[in-house]
Amino acid sequence: MRAEELEAARDRLVPDVVADGLRVLFCGINPGLMSAATGHHFARPGNRFWPVLHASGFTPRRLRPAEERELLDYGLGITNVVARASARADELSEVEFREGGRILVEKVELLRPRWLAVVGITAYRVAFGDKHAKIGPQERTIGTTRVWALPNPSGLNAHWPLPKMAEEFARLRAAADATG
């Protein structure tokens, strides 16, 4: 995809993949330019979301971004904290994160997933005003929905190699399986 096409994608929204009563609603930070250009979540080739989802046991095979609607068959969905696409998450303002967190709470109250999994600890901290949050289950709930903060699967997140990230996703999967 050419740079001009990616830049033109900034204003496109990436539709949520959601349904009522999901096992887990994954929440990315915001769409990257490749996701906005293709209309699919975690579409950048270096993003590890799809490989980690499979390696952790959430899906029986590695899905491609264009197959994201199949997640609904597994009781999974995807949304974002901030709807605006950007090349990097650090282009987003604290105001956008806080407003995104408010909208996310409304979405979770409406859809009632068992777990909300925010993929990116910094996004979670800013969106929910919890600057000391750590990766893992959070004390916060949204109605009956439990909350888990996961590492960002971006290929730029070198602190979390794929096997270690898959272990954390698998911890969430085990908790989601245990809660019904």
C-alpha atoms as a PDB file:
ATOM      1  CA  MET A   1       0.000   0.000   0.000  1.00  0.00           C
ATOM      2  CA  ARG A   2       1.397   3.410  -0.956  1.00  0.00           C
ATOM      3  CA  ALA A   3       2.093   6.138   1.605  1.00  0.00           C
ATOM      4  CA  GLU A   4      -0.578   8.377   0.067  1.00  0.00           C
ATOM      5  CA  GLU A   5      -3.214   5.659   0.498  1.00  0.00           C
ATOM      6  CA  LEU A   6      -2.226   5.105   4.118  1.00  0.00           C
ATOM      7  CA  GLU A   7      -2.330   8.823   4.858  1.00  0.00           C
ATOM      8  CA  ALA A   8      -5.769   9.124   3.243  1.00  0.00           C
ATOM      9  CA  ALA A   9      -7.000   6.364   5.576  1.00  0.00           C
ATOM     10  CA  ARG A  10      -6.647   8.544   8.714  1.00  0.00           C
ATOM     11  CA  ASP A  11     -10.305   9.592   8.606  1.00  0.00           C
ATOM     12  CA  ARG A  12     -11.757   6.121   8.018  1.00  0.00           C
ATOM     13  CA  LEU A  13     -13.311   4.268  10.908  1.00  0.00           C
ATOM     14  CA  VAL A  14     -12.652   0.602  11.517  1.00  0.00           C
ATOM     15  CA  PRO A  15     -15.968  -1.046  12.470  1.00  0.00           C
ATOM     16  CA  ASP A  16     -16.215  -2.850  15.797  1.00  0.00           C
ATOM     17  CA  VAL A  17     -16.568  -6.625  15.770  1.00  0.00           C
ATOM     18  CA  VAL A  18     -19.061  -7.015  18.623  1.00  0.00           C
ATOM     19  CA  ALA A  19     -22.140  -8.820  19.870  1.00  0.00           C
ATOM     20  CA  ASP A  20     -24.043  -9.035  23.150  1.00  0.00           C
ATOM     21  CA  GLY A  21     -22.619 -11.241  25.889  1.00  0.00           C
ATOM     22  CA  LEU A  22     -19.163 -12.007  24.459  1.00  0.00           C
ATOM     23  CA  ARG A  23     -16.678 -14.043  26.482  1.00  0.00           C
ATOM     24  CA  VAL A  24     -13.971 -11.440  25.848  1.00  0.00           C
ATOM     25  CA  LEU A  25     -14.112  -8.046  24.175  1.00  0.00           C
ATOM     26  CA  PHE A  26     -10.565  -7.125  23.138  1.00  0.00           C
ATOM     27  CA  CYS A  27      -9.949  -3.401  23.026  1.00  0.00           C
ATOM     28  CA  GLY A  28      -7.046  -2.050  21.010  1.00  0.00           C
ATOM     29  CA  ILE A  29      -5.546   1.383  21.497  1.00  0.00           C
ATOM     30  CA  ASN A  30      -6.661   2.830  18.148  1.00  0.00           C
ATOM     31  CA  PRO A  31      -6.546   1.730  14.518  1.00  0.00           C
ATOM     32  CA  GLY A  32      -3.237   2.066  12.759  1.00  0.00           C
ATOM     33  CA  LEU A  33      -3.174   3.465   9.251  1.00  0.00           C
ATOM     34  CA  MET A  34      -3.067  -0.025   7.704  1.00  0.00           C
ATOM     35  CA  SER A  35      -6.143  -1.033   9.715  1.00  0.00           C
ATOM     36  CA  ALA A  36      -7.951   2.111   8.617  1.00  0.00           C
ATOM     37  CA  ALA A  37      -6.979   1.520   4.990  1.00  0.00           C
ATOM     38  CA  THR A  38      -8.148  -2.112   5.008  1.00  0.00           C
ATOM     39  CA  GLY A  39     -11.064  -1.730   7.449  1.00  0.00           C
ATOM     40  CA  HIS A  40      -9.735  -4.585   9.616  1.00  0.00           C
ATOM     41  CA  HIS A  41      -8.325  -4.571  13.133  1.00  0.00           C
ATOM     42  CA  PHE A  42      -4.624  -5.272  13.776  1.00  0.00           C
ATOM     43  CA  ALA A  43      -3.936  -5.322  10.027  1.00  0.00           C
ATOM     44  CA  ARG A  44      -0.286  -4.225  10.036  1.00  0.00           C
ATOM     45  CA  PRO A  45       1.826  -7.268   9.098  1.00  0.00           C
ATOM     46  CA  GLY A  46       4.190  -6.849  12.096  1.00  0.00           C
ATOM     47  CA  ASN A  47       1.370  -6.740  14.633  1.00  0.00           C
ATOM     48  CA  ARG A  48       1.328  -9.881  16.777  1.00  0.00           C
ATOM     49  CA  PHE A  49      -2.331  -9.834  17.851  1.00  0.00           C
ATOM     50  CA  TRP A  50      -3.470 -12.612  15.500  1.00  0.00           C
ATOM     51  CA  PRO A  51      -0.485 -14.930  16.158  1.00  0.00           C
ATOM     52  CA  VAL A  52      -0.812 -14.386  19.932  1.00  0.00           C
ATOM     53  CA  LEU A  53      -4.555 -14.987  19.885  1.00  0.00           C
ATOM     54  CA  HIS A  54      -3.924 -18.376  18.295  1.00  0.00           C
ATOM     55  CA  ALA A  55      -0.842 -19.254  20.369  1.00  0.00           C
ATOM     56  CA  SER A  56      -2.782 -18.553  23.573  1.00  0.00           C
ATOM     57  CA  GLY A  57      -5.594 -20.932  22.596  1.00  0.00           C
ATOM     58  CA  PHE A  58      -8.335 -18.377  21.907  1.00  0.00           C
ATOM     59  CA  THR A  59      -8.643 -19.523  18.292  1.00  0.00           C
ATOM     60  CA  PRO A  60      -8.045 -22.979  16.771  1.00  0.00           C
ATOM     61  CA  ARG A  61      -5.957 -21.474  13.956  1.00  0.00           C
ATOM     62  CA  ARG A  62      -4.273 -18.192  13.169  1.00  0.00           C
ATOM     63  CA  LEU A  63      -6.867 -15.878  11.691  1.00  0.00           C
ATOM     64  CA  ARG A  64      -6.063 -13.134   9.220  1.00  0.00           C
ATOM     65  CA  PRO A  65      -7.357  -9.607   9.839  1.00  0.00           C
ATOM     66  CA  ALA A  66      -9.890 -10.052   7.012  1.00  0.00           C
ATOM     67  CA  GLU A  67     -11.333 -13.031   8.956  1.00  0.00           C
ATOM     68  CA  GLU A  68     -11.959 -10.986  12.101  1.00  0.00           C
ATOM     69  CA  ARG A  69     -15.736 -11.594  12.042  1.00  0.00           C
ATOM     70  CA  GLU A  70     -15.013 -15.279  12.789  1.00  0.00           C
ATOM     71  CA  LEU A  71     -14.050 -14.144  16.292  1.00  0.00           C
ATOM     72  CA  LEU A  72     -17.753 -13.870  17.078  1.00  0.00           C
ATOM     73  CA  ASP A  73     -18.021 -17.664  16.636  1.00  0.00           C
ATOM     74  CA  TYR A  74     -15.574 -18.012  19.558  1.00  0.00           C
ATOM     75  CA  GLY A  75     -17.354 -15.482  21.768  1.00  0.00           C
ATOM     76  CA  LEU A  76     -14.708 -12.840  21.082  1.00  0.00           C
ATOM     77  CA  GLY A  77     -14.878  -9.302  19.733  1.00  0.00           C
ATOM     78  CA  ILE A  78     -12.732  -6.255  19.028  1.00  0.00           C
ATOM     79  CA  THR A  79     -13.118  -2.526  19.566  1.00  0.00           C
ATOM     80  CA  ASN A  80     -10.720   0.361  20.254  1.00  0.00           C
ATOM     81  CA  VAL A  81     -10.259   2.942  22.993  1.00  0.00           C
ATOM     82  CA  VAL A  82      -9.889   5.717  20.402  1.00  0.00           C
ATOM     83  CA  ALA A  83     -11.604   5.461  17.010  1.00  0.00           C
ATOM     84  CA  ARG A  84      -9.250   7.863  15.186  1.00  0.00           C
ATOM     85  CA  ALA A  85      -6.555   6.196  13.112  1.00  0.00           C
ATOM     86  CA  SER A  86      -2.937   7.272  13.487  1.00  0.00           C
ATOM     87  CA  ALA A  87       0.495   6.063  12.500  1.00  0.00           C
ATOM     88  CA  ARG A  88       1.512   5.769  16.170  1.00  0.00           C
ATOM     89  CA  ALA A  89      -0.427   5.709  19.435  1.00  0.00           C
ATOM     90  CA  ASP A  90       1.699   8.547  20.817  1.00  0.00           C
ATOM     91  CA  GLU A  91      -0.070  10.846  18.327  1.00  0.00           C
ATOM     92  CA  LEU A  92      -3.227  10.593  20.469  1.00  0.00           C
ATOM     93  CA  SER A  93      -3.998  13.088  23.228  1.00  0.00           C
ATOM     94  CA  GLU A  94      -4.910  12.366  26.838  1.00  0.00           C
ATOM     95  CA  VAL A  95      -8.289  13.976  26.122  1.00  0.00           C
ATOM     96  CA  GLU A  96      -8.897  11.442  23.317  1.00  0.00           C
ATOM     97  CA  PHE A  97      -7.972   8.570  25.631  1.00  0.00           C
ATOM     98  CA  ARG A  98     -10.216   9.789  28.463  1.00  0.00           C
ATOM     99  CA  GLU A  99     -13.150  10.385  26.098  1.00  0.00           C
ATOM    100  CA  GLY A 100     -12.493   6.990  24.514  1.00  0.00           C
ATOM    101  CA  GLY A 101     -12.545   5.408  27.976  1.00  0.00           C
ATOM    102  CA  ARG A 102     -15.916   7.015  28.687  1.00  0.00           C
ATOM    103  CA  ILE A 103     -17.344   5.727  25.391  1.00  0.00           C
ATOM    104  CA  LEU A 104     -15.830   2.292  26.035  1.00  0.00           C
ATOM    105  CA  VAL A 105     -17.575   2.083  29.413  1.00  0.00           C
ATOM    106  CA  GLU A 106     -20.905   2.860  27.708  1.00  0.00           C
ATOM    107  CA  LYS A 107     -20.223   0.212  25.062  1.00  0.00           C
ATOM    108  CA  VAL A 108     -19.360  -2.409  27.704  1.00  0.00           C
ATOM    109  CA  GLU A 109     -22.459  -1.555  29.744  1.00  0.00           C
ATOM    110  CA  LEU A 110     -24.559  -2.086  26.610  1.00  0.00           C
ATOM    111  CA  LEU A 111     -22.863  -5.280  25.326  1.00  0.00           C
ATOM    112  CA  ARG A 112     -22.100  -6.921  28.719  1.00  0.00           C
ATOM    113  CA  PRO A 113     -19.064  -9.052  27.772  1.00  0.00           C
ATOM    114  CA  ARG A 114     -17.738 -11.248  30.579  1.00  0.00           C
ATOM    115  CA  TRP A 115     -14.270  -9.726  30.182  1.00  0.00           C
ATOM    116  CA  LEU A 116     -12.945  -6.505  28.683  1.00  0.00           C
ATOM    117  CA  ALA A 117      -9.299  -6.959  27.671  1.00  0.00           C
ATOM    118  CA  VAL A 118      -7.541  -3.665  27.008  1.00  0.00           C
ATOM    119  CA  VAL A 119      -4.569  -4.386  24.756  1.00  0.00           C
ATOM    120  CA  GLY A 120      -2.006  -1.819  25.886  1.00  0.00           C
ATOM    121  CA  ILE A 121      -1.280  -0.945  29.516  1.00  0.00           C
ATOM    122  CA  THR A 122      -0.569   2.732  28.823  1.00  0.00           C
ATOM    123  CA  ALA A 123      -3.881   3.126  26.999  1.00  0.00           C
ATOM    124  CA  TYR A 124      -5.649   1.472  29.944  1.00  0.00           C
ATOM    125  CA  ARG A 125      -3.914   3.723  32.480  1.00  0.00           C
ATOM    126  CA  VAL A 126      -4.809   6.936  30.654  1.00  0.00           C
ATOM    127  CA  ALA A 127      -8.341   5.956  29.555  1.00  0.00           C
ATOM    128  CA  PHE A 128      -9.339   4.833  33.044  1.00  0.00           C
ATOM    129  CA  GLY A 129      -7.223   7.216  35.117  1.00  0.00           C
ATOM    130  CA  ASP A 130      -5.342   4.374  36.830  1.00  0.00           C
ATOM    131  CA  LYS A 131      -1.674   5.344  36.547  1.00  0.00           C
ATOM    132  CA  HIS A 132      -0.484   2.416  38.691  1.00  0.00           C
ATOM    133  CA  ALA A 133      -2.292  -0.378  36.805  1.00  0.00           C
ATOM    134  CA  LYS A 134      -0.224  -3.427  35.917  1.00  0.00           C
ATOM    135  CA  ILE A 135      -0.663  -6.126  33.277  1.00  0.00           C
ATOM    136  CA  GLY A 136      -3.239  -8.685  34.380  1.00  0.00           C
ATOM    137  CA  PRO A 137      -6.704  -8.674  35.966  1.00  0.00           C
ATOM    138  CA  GLN A 138      -7.831  -5.325  37.351  1.00  0.00           C
ATOM    139  CA  GLU A 139      -9.902  -4.579  40.428  1.00  0.00           C
ATOM    140  CA  ARG A 140     -12.150  -2.377  38.299  1.00  0.00           C
ATOM    141  CA  THR A 141     -15.343  -3.825  36.908  1.00  0.00           C
ATOM    142  CA  ILE A 142     -17.836  -2.270  34.523  1.00  0.00           C
ATOM    143  CA  GLY A 143     -21.170  -3.570  35.727  1.00  0.00           C
ATOM    144  CA  THR A 144     -20.589  -7.333  35.818  1.00  0.00           C
ATOM    145  CA  THR A 145     -17.749  -7.171  33.260  1.00  0.00           C
ATOM    146  CA  ARG A 146     -14.299  -7.956  34.618  1.00  0.00           C
ATOM    147  CA  VAL A 147     -11.312  -6.060  33.184  1.00  0.00           C
ATOM    148  CA  TRP A 148      -7.867  -7.342  32.171  1.00  0.00           C
ATOM    149  CA  ALA A 149      -4.951  -5.238  30.896  1.00  0.00           C
ATOM    150  CA  LEU A 150      -2.806  -6.990  28.288  1.00  0.00           C
ATOM    151  CA  PRO A 151       0.489  -6.007  26.673  1.00  0.00           C
ATOM    152  CA  ASN A 152       0.368  -4.148  23.383  1.00  0.00           C
ATOM    153  CA  PRO A 153       0.926  -6.669  20.535  1.00  0.00           C
ATOM    154  CA  SER A 154       2.610  -4.094  18.314  1.00  0.00           C
ATOM    155  CA  GLY A 155       5.850  -5.316  16.841  1.00  0.00           C
ATOM    156  CA  LEU A 156       7.416  -2.215  18.432  1.00  0.00           C
ATOM    157  CA  ASN A 157       6.771  -3.606  21.931  1.00  0.00           C
ATOM    158  CA  ALA A 158      10.093  -5.420  22.368  1.00  0.00           C
ATOM    159  CA  HIS A 159       9.589  -5.878  26.134  1.00  0.00           C
ATOM    160  CA  TRP A 160       7.063  -8.602  25.375  1.00  0.00           C
ATOM    161  CA  PRO A 161       8.316 -11.354  23.065  1.00  0.00           C
ATOM    162  CA  LEU A 162       5.597 -13.420  21.422  1.00  0.00           C
ATOM    163  CA  PRO A 163       5.851 -16.475  23.754  1.00  0.00           C
ATOM    164  CA  LYS A 164       5.654 -14.316  26.885  1.00  0.00           C
ATOM    165  CA  MET A 165       2.750 -12.346  25.436  1.00  0.00           C
ATOM    166  CA  ALA A 166       0.944 -15.591  24.532  1.00  0.00           C
ATOM    167  CA  GLU A 167       1.310 -16.733  28.165  1.00  0.00           C
ATOM    168  CA  GLU A 168      -0.434 -13.573  29.384  1.00  0.00           C
ATOM    169  CA  PHE A 169      -3.222 -13.930  26.825  1.00  0.00           C
ATOM    170  CA  ALA A 170      -3.556 -17.597  27.899  1.00  0.00           C
ATOM    171  CA  ARG A 171      -3.991 -16.480  31.524  1.00  0.00           C
ATOM    172  CA  LEU A 172      -6.930 -14.373  30.391  1.00  0.00           C
ATOM    173  CA  ARG A 173      -8.320 -17.263  28.327  1.00  0.00           C
ATOM    174  CA  ALA A 174      -8.185 -19.550  31.365  1.00  0.00           C
ATOM    175  CA  ALA A 175      -9.980 -16.927  33.487  1.00  0.00           C
ATOM    176  CA  ALA A 176     -12.601 -16.433  30.773  1.00  0.00           C
ATOM    177  CA  ASP A 177     -13.133 -20.195  30.505  1.00  0.00           C
ATOM    178  CA  ALA A 178     -13.464 -20.462  34.297  1.00  0.00           C
ATOM    179  CA  THR A 179     -16.133 -17.767  34.455  1.00  0.00           C
ATOM    180  CA  GLY A 180     -18.525 -19.622  32.294  1.00  0.00           C
END
